Amino acid sequence: MAATRNAAFAAAEIALVAIKQNRKSTWSELVSSGIDTRLSAEQLELVNRNLHVVEQLQVSTGAHVTVTWCPECDKIAFLAQGSPPAKCTLTLRCPGSPVKAGAQRRAGAA
């Protein structure tokens, strides 16, 4: 079992909260707007190290893209809409249950 959250998943959670709080659709749109995201230096560094995932996130009507993470096998996957699968399908015979990014508030997303 993974001891801590996957770094890319943690970055996705941080980015999704910032995107939603600032009423933007993507990380690129948020950054180009010049709005102060009020992220800590550590949070911003984590997001920047995982731009390959964060840049794929989208929060808009009809085109919502987020990330799921399995705490058992430590794998992530993109999720278009809806709930994550009840059972992990990312690793053969993994007993884990994936969780969806963006489900928690900013204070807990560090």
N, C-alpha and C. Protein backbone atom coordinates (compact mmCIF):
# COMPACT_ATOMS: atom_id res chain seq x y z
N MET A 1 0.84 -1.18 0.00
CA MET A 1 0.00 0.00 0.00
C MET A 1 0.88 1.24 0.00
N ALA A 2 0.50 2.24 -0.77
CA ALA A 2 1.24 3.49 -0.83
C ALA A 2 1.08 4.25 0.49
N ALA A 3 2.19 4.71 1.04
CA ALA A 3 2.16 5.38 2.33
C ALA A 3 1.61 6.81 2.24
N THR A 4 1.92 7.49 1.16
CA THR A 4 1.45 8.86 0.97
C THR A 4 0.83 9.01 -0.39
N ARG A 5 0.12 10.12 -0.58
CA ARG A 5 -0.51 10.37 -1.87
C ARG A 5 0.53 10.48 -2.97
N ASN A 6 0.17 10.01 -4.14
CA ASN A 6 0.97 10.15 -5.34
C ASN A 6 1.16 11.65 -5.58
N ALA A 7 2.37 12.08 -5.94
CA ALA A 7 2.68 13.50 -6.13
C ALA A 7 1.82 14.13 -7.23
N ALA A 8 1.62 13.41 -8.32
CA ALA A 8 0.80 13.95 -9.42
C ALA A 8 -0.65 14.12 -8.98
N PHE A 9 -1.15 13.17 -8.17
CA PHE A 9 -2.51 13.27 -7.65
C PHE A 9 -2.64 14.46 -6.71
N ALA A 10 -1.66 14.63 -5.83
CA ALA A 10 -1.68 15.77 -4.90
C ALA A 10 -1.65 17.09 -5.66
N ALA A 11 -0.83 17.17 -6.70
CA ALA A 11 -0.76 18.37 -7.53
C ALA A 11 -2.10 18.63 -8.22
N ALA A 12 -2.74 17.58 -8.70
CA ALA A 12 -4.05 17.72 -9.35
C ALA A 12 -5.09 18.24 -8.37
N GLU A 13 -5.07 17.75 -7.14
CA GLU A 13 -6.00 18.24 -6.13
C GLU A 13 -5.79 19.72 -5.86
N ILE A 14 -4.56 20.12 -5.69
CA ILE A 14 -4.23 21.52 -5.44
C ILE A 14 -4.68 22.39 -6.61
N ALA A 15 -4.36 21.97 -7.82
CA ALA A 15 -4.71 22.73 -9.01
C ALA A 15 -6.22 22.82 -9.20
N LEU A 16 -6.94 21.73 -8.99
CA LEU A 16 -8.39 21.75 -9.16
C LEU A 16 -9.06 22.71 -8.19
N VAL A 17 -8.61 22.73 -6.96
CA VAL A 17 -9.19 23.65 -5.98
C VAL A 17 -8.93 25.09 -6.41
N ALA A 18 -7.71 25.40 -6.83
CA ALA A 18 -7.37 26.75 -7.27
C ALA A 18 -8.16 27.15 -8.51
N ILE A 19 -8.31 26.24 -9.46
CA ILE A 19 -9.07 26.51 -10.69
C ILE A 19 -10.53 26.82 -10.35
N LYS A 20 -11.13 25.98 -9.50
CA LYS A 20 -12.53 26.16 -9.14
C LYS A 20 -12.75 27.44 -8.33
N GLN A 21 -11.87 27.70 -7.35
CA GLN A 21 -12.04 28.89 -6.51
C GLN A 21 -11.92 30.18 -7.32
N ASN A 22 -11.15 30.16 -8.38
CA ASN A 22 -10.95 31.35 -9.19
C ASN A 22 -11.82 31.37 -10.45
N ARG A 23 -12.75 30.43 -10.53
CA ARG A 23 -13.74 30.35 -11.61
C ARG A 23 -13.10 30.34 -13.01
N LYS A 24 -12.09 29.51 -13.15
CA LYS A 24 -11.43 29.31 -14.45
C LYS A 24 -11.70 27.89 -14.91
N SER A 25 -11.33 27.58 -16.14
CA SER A 25 -11.58 26.24 -16.69
C SER A 25 -10.37 25.34 -16.69
N THR A 26 -9.17 25.93 -16.80
CA THR A 26 -7.94 25.14 -16.86
C THR A 26 -6.85 25.83 -16.07
N TRP A 27 -5.78 25.09 -15.79
CA TRP A 27 -4.63 25.67 -15.11
C TRP A 27 -3.99 26.76 -15.98
N SER A 28 -3.87 26.52 -17.25
CA SER A 28 -3.29 27.52 -18.18
C SER A 28 -4.09 28.81 -18.16
N GLU A 29 -5.39 28.69 -18.15
CA GLU A 29 -6.25 29.88 -18.10
C GLU A 29 -6.05 30.63 -16.79
N LEU A 30 -5.93 29.89 -15.70
CA LEU A 30 -5.70 30.52 -14.39
C LEU A 30 -4.37 31.25 -14.36
N VAL A 31 -3.31 30.61 -14.81
CA VAL A 31 -1.98 31.20 -14.79
C VAL A 31 -1.93 32.44 -15.70
N SER A 32 -2.52 32.35 -16.87
CA SER A 32 -2.46 33.48 -17.80
C SER A 32 -3.33 34.65 -17.36
N SER A 33 -4.27 34.41 -16.44
CA SER A 33 -5.13 35.49 -15.94
C SER A 33 -4.39 36.43 -14.99
N GLY A 34 -3.29 35.95 -14.42
CA GLY A 34 -2.52 36.77 -13.49
C GLY A 34 -3.10 36.81 -12.08
N ILE A 35 -4.13 36.04 -11.83
CA ILE A 35 -4.74 35.98 -10.50
C ILE A 35 -3.77 35.34 -9.51
N ASP A 36 -3.70 35.93 -8.32
CA ASP A 36 -2.87 35.35 -7.26
C ASP A 36 -3.59 34.12 -6.72
N THR A 37 -3.01 32.95 -6.92
CA THR A 37 -3.65 31.70 -6.49
C THR A 37 -3.54 31.46 -5.00
N ARG A 38 -2.68 32.23 -4.33
CA ARG A 38 -2.45 32.10 -2.89
C ARG A 38 -1.96 30.71 -2.49
N LEU A 39 -1.27 30.07 -3.40
CA LEU A 39 -0.67 28.77 -3.09
C LEU A 39 0.67 29.01 -2.40
N SER A 40 1.02 28.11 -1.51
CA SER A 40 2.32 28.20 -0.85
C SER A 40 3.41 27.87 -1.87
N ALA A 41 4.63 28.20 -1.55
CA ALA A 41 5.75 27.90 -2.45
C ALA A 41 5.85 26.39 -2.69
N GLU A 42 5.60 25.59 -1.66
CA GLU A 42 5.67 24.14 -1.79
C GLU A 42 4.57 23.61 -2.70
N GLN A 43 3.35 24.15 -2.56
CA GLN A 43 2.24 23.73 -3.40
C GLN A 43 2.50 24.10 -4.86
N LEU A 44 2.97 25.32 -5.09
CA LEU A 44 3.24 25.76 -6.45
C LEU A 44 4.35 24.93 -7.09
N GLU A 45 5.37 24.59 -6.31
CA GLU A 45 6.46 23.75 -6.81
C GLU A 45 5.94 22.36 -7.19
N LEU A 46 5.07 21.81 -6.35
CA LEU A 46 4.50 20.49 -6.63
C LEU A 46 3.67 20.52 -7.91
N VAL A 47 2.86 21.55 -8.09
CA VAL A 47 2.06 21.69 -9.30
C VAL A 47 2.97 21.82 -10.52
N ASN A 48 3.98 22.66 -10.43
CA ASN A 48 4.89 22.86 -11.56
C ASN A 48 5.66 21.60 -11.93
N ARG A 49 6.00 20.77 -10.94
CA ARG A 49 6.70 19.51 -11.21
C ARG A 49 5.79 18.48 -11.89
N ASN A 50 4.49 18.70 -11.79
CA ASN A 50 3.52 17.74 -12.33
C ASN A 50 2.61 18.36 -13.37
N LEU A 51 3.15 19.30 -14.14
CA LEU A 51 2.35 19.95 -15.18
C LEU A 51 1.85 18.98 -16.24
N HIS A 52 2.55 17.86 -16.42
CA HIS A 52 2.10 16.86 -17.39
C HIS A 52 0.72 16.31 -17.04
N VAL A 53 0.37 16.36 -15.77
CA VAL A 53 -0.97 15.95 -15.33
C VAL A 53 -1.87 17.17 -15.19
N VAL A 54 -1.40 18.20 -14.53
CA VAL A 54 -2.20 19.39 -14.24
C VAL A 54 -2.73 20.05 -15.52
N GLU A 55 -1.92 20.08 -16.56
CA GLU A 55 -2.34 20.70 -17.82
C GLU A 55 -3.49 19.96 -18.50
N GLN A 56 -3.76 18.73 -18.10
CA GLN A 56 -4.85 17.94 -18.69
C GLN A 56 -6.18 18.18 -17.99
N LEU A 57 -6.15 18.79 -16.81
CA LEU A 57 -7.37 19.00 -16.03
C LEU A 57 -8.24 20.06 -16.69
N GLN A 58 -9.54 19.85 -16.60
CA GLN A 58 -10.47 20.82 -17.17
C GLN A 58 -11.74 20.85 -16.33
N VAL A 59 -12.17 22.06 -15.99
CA VAL A 59 -13.38 22.24 -15.21
C VAL A 59 -14.30 23.19 -15.97
N SER A 60 -15.17 22.63 -16.76
CA SER A 60 -16.14 23.45 -17.49
C SER A 60 -17.35 22.58 -17.82
N THR A 61 -18.44 23.23 -18.10
CA THR A 61 -19.68 22.52 -18.41
C THR A 61 -19.48 21.62 -19.62
N GLY A 62 -19.76 20.36 -19.44
CA GLY A 62 -19.69 19.41 -20.54
C GLY A 62 -18.32 18.82 -20.80
N ALA A 63 -17.28 19.33 -20.14
CA ALA A 63 -15.93 18.82 -20.41
C ALA A 63 -15.10 18.82 -19.14
N HIS A 64 -15.51 18.07 -18.17
CA HIS A 64 -14.81 18.01 -16.90
C HIS A 64 -13.82 16.85 -16.93
N VAL A 65 -12.54 17.13 -16.69
CA VAL A 65 -11.51 16.09 -16.65
C VAL A 65 -10.77 16.21 -15.33
N THR A 66 -10.71 15.11 -14.59
CA THR A 66 -10.01 15.08 -13.31
C THR A 66 -9.13 13.82 -13.26
N VAL A 67 -8.58 13.55 -12.10
CA VAL A 67 -7.66 12.42 -11.92
C VAL A 67 -8.16 11.54 -10.78
N THR A 68 -7.99 10.23 -10.93
CA THR A 68 -8.24 9.31 -9.83
C THR A 68 -6.91 8.67 -9.44
N TRP A 69 -6.83 8.25 -8.18
CA TRP A 69 -5.60 7.64 -7.65
C TRP A 69 -5.98 6.44 -6.79
N CYS A 70 -5.28 5.35 -6.99
CA CYS A 70 -5.47 4.16 -6.16
C CYS A 70 -4.41 4.16 -5.07
N PRO A 71 -4.81 4.27 -3.81
CA PRO A 71 -3.84 4.28 -2.72
C PRO A 71 -3.13 2.94 -2.52
N GLU A 72 -3.66 1.86 -3.08
CA GLU A 72 -3.03 0.55 -2.93
C GLU A 72 -1.86 0.37 -3.90
N CYS A 73 -2.09 0.66 -5.18
CA CYS A 73 -1.03 0.43 -6.18
C CYS A 73 -0.31 1.72 -6.59
N ASP A 74 -0.79 2.88 -6.11
CA ASP A 74 -0.18 4.18 -6.35
C ASP A 74 -0.20 4.59 -7.82
N LYS A 75 -1.21 4.16 -8.55
CA LYS A 75 -1.37 4.53 -9.96
C LYS A 75 -2.43 5.61 -10.07
N ILE A 76 -2.30 6.46 -11.11
CA ILE A 76 -3.31 7.47 -11.38
C ILE A 76 -3.89 7.25 -12.77
N ALA A 77 -5.10 7.78 -12.97
CA ALA A 77 -5.77 7.71 -14.27
C ALA A 77 -6.65 8.94 -14.42
N PHE A 78 -6.87 9.36 -15.65
CA PHE A 78 -7.77 10.48 -15.90
C PHE A 78 -9.21 9.97 -15.89
N LEU A 79 -10.11 10.83 -15.42
CA LEU A 79 -11.53 10.50 -15.35
C LEU A 79 -12.31 11.63 -15.99
N ALA A 80 -13.11 11.32 -16.99
CA ALA A 80 -13.85 12.36 -17.70
C ALA A 80 -14.96 12.94 -16.83
N GLN A 81 -15.86 12.15 -16.35
CA GLN A 81 -16.94 12.63 -15.50
C GLN A 81 -17.41 11.50 -14.61
N GLY A 82 -18.14 11.86 -13.58
CA GLY A 82 -18.74 10.85 -12.73
C GLY A 82 -17.83 10.42 -11.59
N SER A 83 -18.18 9.29 -11.05
CA SER A 83 -17.46 8.74 -9.89
C SER A 83 -16.34 7.82 -10.35
N PRO A 84 -15.31 7.70 -9.51
CA PRO A 84 -14.25 6.74 -9.84
C PRO A 84 -14.81 5.32 -9.72
N PRO A 85 -14.17 4.36 -10.38
CA PRO A 85 -14.65 2.98 -10.28
C PRO A 85 -14.55 2.48 -8.84
N ALA A 86 -15.44 1.57 -8.47
CA ALA A 86 -15.45 1.03 -7.10
C ALA A 86 -14.21 0.20 -6.82
N LYS A 87 -13.70 -0.48 -7.85
CA LYS A 87 -12.52 -1.31 -7.70
C LYS A 87 -11.44 -0.84 -8.66
N CYS A 88 -10.19 -0.97 -8.25
CA CYS A 88 -9.06 -0.56 -9.07
C CYS A 88 -8.95 -1.44 -10.31
N THR A 89 -8.78 -0.77 -11.45
CA THR A 89 -8.57 -1.48 -12.71
C THR A 89 -7.21 -1.11 -13.30
N LEU A 90 -6.38 -0.44 -12.52
CA LEU A 90 -5.10 0.05 -13.00
C LEU A 90 -3.98 -0.97 -12.86
N THR A 91 -4.12 -1.88 -11.92
CA THR A 91 -3.13 -2.94 -11.69
C THR A 91 -3.88 -4.26 -11.52
N LEU A 92 -3.42 -5.28 -12.18
CA LEU A 92 -4.05 -6.59 -12.10
C LEU A 92 -4.18 -7.06 -10.66
N ARG A 93 -5.39 -7.46 -10.30
CA ARG A 93 -5.73 -7.98 -8.97
C ARG A 93 -5.46 -6.99 -7.82
N CYS A 94 -5.44 -5.72 -8.09
CA CYS A 94 -5.27 -4.73 -7.03
C CYS A 94 -6.55 -4.66 -6.20
N PRO A 95 -6.45 -4.73 -4.88
CA PRO A 95 -7.64 -4.69 -4.03
C PRO A 95 -8.12 -3.27 -3.71
N GLY A 96 -7.44 -2.27 -4.23
CA GLY A 96 -7.74 -0.89 -3.88
C GLY A 96 -9.01 -0.33 -4.49
N SER A 97 -9.41 0.81 -3.95
CA SER A 97 -10.55 1.58 -4.45
C SER A 97 -10.07 2.99 -4.78
N PRO A 98 -10.03 3.36 -6.05
CA PRO A 98 -9.54 4.69 -6.43
C PRO A 98 -10.36 5.83 -5.84
N VAL A 99 -9.70 6.95 -5.59
CA VAL A 99 -10.35 8.15 -5.11
C VAL A 99 -10.17 9.25 -6.15
N LYS A 100 -11.10 10.17 -6.16
CA LYS A 100 -11.14 11.23 -7.16
C LYS A 100 -10.49 12.51 -6.62
N ALA A 101 -9.67 13.15 -7.43
CA ALA A 101 -9.05 14.41 -7.05
C ALA A 101 -10.08 15.52 -7.00
N GLY A 102 -9.83 16.49 -6.14
CA GLY A 102 -10.70 17.65 -6.06
C GLY A 102 -11.84 17.47 -5.10
N ALA A 103 -11.85 16.39 -4.35
CA ALA A 103 -12.94 16.11 -3.44
C ALA A 103 -12.75 16.78 -2.08
N GLN A 104 -11.60 17.37 -1.84
CA GLN A 104 -11.38 18.00 -0.55
C GLN A 104 -11.14 19.49 -0.68
N ARG A 105 -11.25 20.19 0.43
CA ARG A 105 -11.10 21.63 0.45
C ARG A 105 -9.62 22.03 0.41
N ARG A 106 -9.36 23.29 0.10
CA ARG A 106 -8.02 23.80 -0.06
C ARG A 106 -7.14 23.57 1.19
N ALA A 107 -7.68 23.77 2.38
CA ALA A 107 -6.88 23.63 3.59
C ALA A 107 -6.29 22.24 3.73
N GLY A 108 -6.99 21.22 3.26
CA GLY A 108 -6.48 19.86 3.37
C GLY A 108 -5.75 19.38 2.14
N ALA A 109 -5.58 20.24 1.16
CA ALA A 109 -4.98 19.82 -0.11
C ALA A 109 -3.50 20.04 -0.18
N ALA A 110 -2.85 20.28 0.92
CA ALA A 110 -1.41 20.58 0.91
C ALA A 110 -0.59 19.37 0.62
